[in-house]
């Protein structure tokens, strides 16, 4: 993964492979202004998660 913002987290940022035609989606959407906001705010900002092309979580 990519290194996280050094001032906020020593943990690496993990990126999943991109979407491909005909393959199921697998991603999460976070309501933050930037990557540093995600590190500060965490999972509580998740507004949707899609696994295997199916919506498995919808917040707010």
C-alpha atoms as a PDB file:
ATOM      1  CA  UNK A   1       0.000   0.000   0.000  1.00  0.00           C
ATOM      2  CA  UNK A   2       0.875   3.657  -0.092  1.00  0.00           C
ATOM      3  CA  UNK A   3       2.311   5.289   3.005  1.00  0.00           C
ATOM      4  CA  UNK A   4      -0.262   7.145   5.088  1.00  0.00           C
ATOM      5  CA  UNK A   5       0.181  10.785   6.031  1.00  0.00           C
ATOM      6  CA  UNK A   6       3.167  10.682   8.382  1.00  0.00           C
ATOM      7  CA  UNK A   7       1.766  13.286  10.763  1.00  0.00           C
ATOM      8  CA  UNK A   8      -1.491  11.359  11.247  1.00  0.00           C
ATOM      9  CA  UNK A   9      -0.844   7.629  10.908  1.00  0.00           C
ATOM     10  CA  UNK A  10       2.034   5.178  10.505  1.00  0.00           C
ATOM     11  CA  UNK A  11      -0.359   2.697   8.841  1.00  0.00           C
ATOM     12  CA  UNK A  12      -0.232   2.339   5.049  1.00  0.00           C
ATOM     13  CA  UNK A  13      -3.192   3.267   2.864  1.00  0.00           C
ATOM     14  CA  UNK A  14      -4.469   0.111   1.151  1.00  0.00           C
ATOM     15  CA  UNK A  15      -5.933   0.520  -2.325  1.00  0.00           C
ATOM     16  CA  UNK A  16      -8.036  -2.192  -3.945  1.00  0.00           C
ATOM     17  CA  UNK A  17      -7.819  -2.923  -7.674  1.00  0.00           C
ATOM     18  CA  UNK A  18      -9.923  -0.627  -9.856  1.00  0.00           C
ATOM     19  CA  UNK A  19     -13.347  -1.457 -11.206  1.00  0.00           C
ATOM     20  CA  UNK A  20     -13.440  -3.593 -14.349  1.00  0.00           C
ATOM     21  CA  UNK A  21     -16.318  -4.122 -16.794  1.00  0.00           C
ATOM     22  CA  UNK A  22     -18.334  -7.222 -15.940  1.00  0.00           C
ATOM     23  CA  UNK A  23     -16.780  -7.661 -12.497  1.00  0.00           C
ATOM     24  CA  UNK A  24     -18.597  -6.996  -9.203  1.00  0.00           C
ATOM     25  CA  UNK A  25     -17.880  -3.745  -7.417  1.00  0.00           C
ATOM     26  CA  UNK A  26     -15.995  -3.732  -4.106  1.00  0.00           C
ATOM     27  CA  UNK A  27     -15.520  -0.358  -2.470  1.00  0.00           C
ATOM     28  CA  UNK A  28     -16.499   1.972   0.376  1.00  0.00           C
ATOM     29  CA  UNK A  29     -17.409   5.671   0.262  1.00  0.00           C
ATOM     30  CA  UNK A  30     -16.367   8.031   3.057  1.00  0.00           C
ATOM     31  CA  UNK A  31     -17.657  11.561   3.712  1.00  0.00           C
ATOM     32  CA  UNK A  32     -14.319  13.310   4.282  1.00  0.00           C
ATOM     33  CA  UNK A  33     -12.610  16.197   2.473  1.00  0.00           C
ATOM     34  CA  UNK A  34      -9.286  14.377   1.967  1.00  0.00           C
ATOM     35  CA  UNK A  35      -7.187  11.365   2.982  1.00  0.00           C
ATOM     36  CA  UNK A  36      -6.019  13.076   6.173  1.00  0.00           C
ATOM     37  CA  UNK A  37      -9.683  13.529   7.153  1.00  0.00           C
ATOM     38  CA  UNK A  38     -10.236   9.799   6.763  1.00  0.00           C
ATOM     39  CA  UNK A  39      -7.272   9.074   9.033  1.00  0.00           C
ATOM     40  CA  UNK A  40      -8.585  11.525  11.665  1.00  0.00           C
ATOM     41  CA  UNK A  41     -12.296  10.621  11.478  1.00  0.00           C
ATOM     42  CA  UNK A  42     -12.104   6.910  10.678  1.00  0.00           C
ATOM     43  CA  UNK A  43     -14.841   4.429   9.842  1.00  0.00           C
ATOM     44  CA  UNK A  44     -17.549   6.602  11.406  1.00  0.00           C
ATOM     45  CA  UNK A  45     -17.580   8.629   8.181  1.00  0.00           C
ATOM     46  CA  UNK A  46     -18.479   5.640   5.969  1.00  0.00           C
ATOM     47  CA  UNK A  47     -21.659   6.379   4.016  1.00  0.00           C
ATOM     48  CA  UNK A  48     -21.804   3.236   1.847  1.00  0.00           C
ATOM     49  CA  UNK A  49     -20.037  -0.097   1.335  1.00  0.00           C
ATOM     50  CA  UNK A  50     -20.421  -2.307  -1.733  1.00  0.00           C
ATOM     51  CA  UNK A  51     -19.077  -5.889  -1.760  1.00  0.00           C
ATOM     52  CA  UNK A  52     -19.531  -8.271  -4.662  1.00  0.00           C
ATOM     53  CA  UNK A  53     -21.645  -5.685  -6.457  1.00  0.00           C
ATOM     54  CA  UNK A  54     -24.195  -5.531  -3.608  1.00  0.00           C
ATOM     55  CA  UNK A  55     -24.822  -2.637  -1.242  1.00  0.00           C
ATOM     56  CA  UNK A  56     -24.071  -4.108   2.192  1.00  0.00           C
ATOM     57  CA  UNK A  57     -24.047  -0.908   4.265  1.00  0.00           C
ATOM     58  CA  UNK A  58     -25.748   2.445   3.850  1.00  0.00           C
ATOM     59  CA  UNK A  59     -25.258   5.077   6.530  1.00  0.00           C
ATOM     60  CA  UNK A  60     -26.887   8.392   7.308  1.00  0.00           C
END
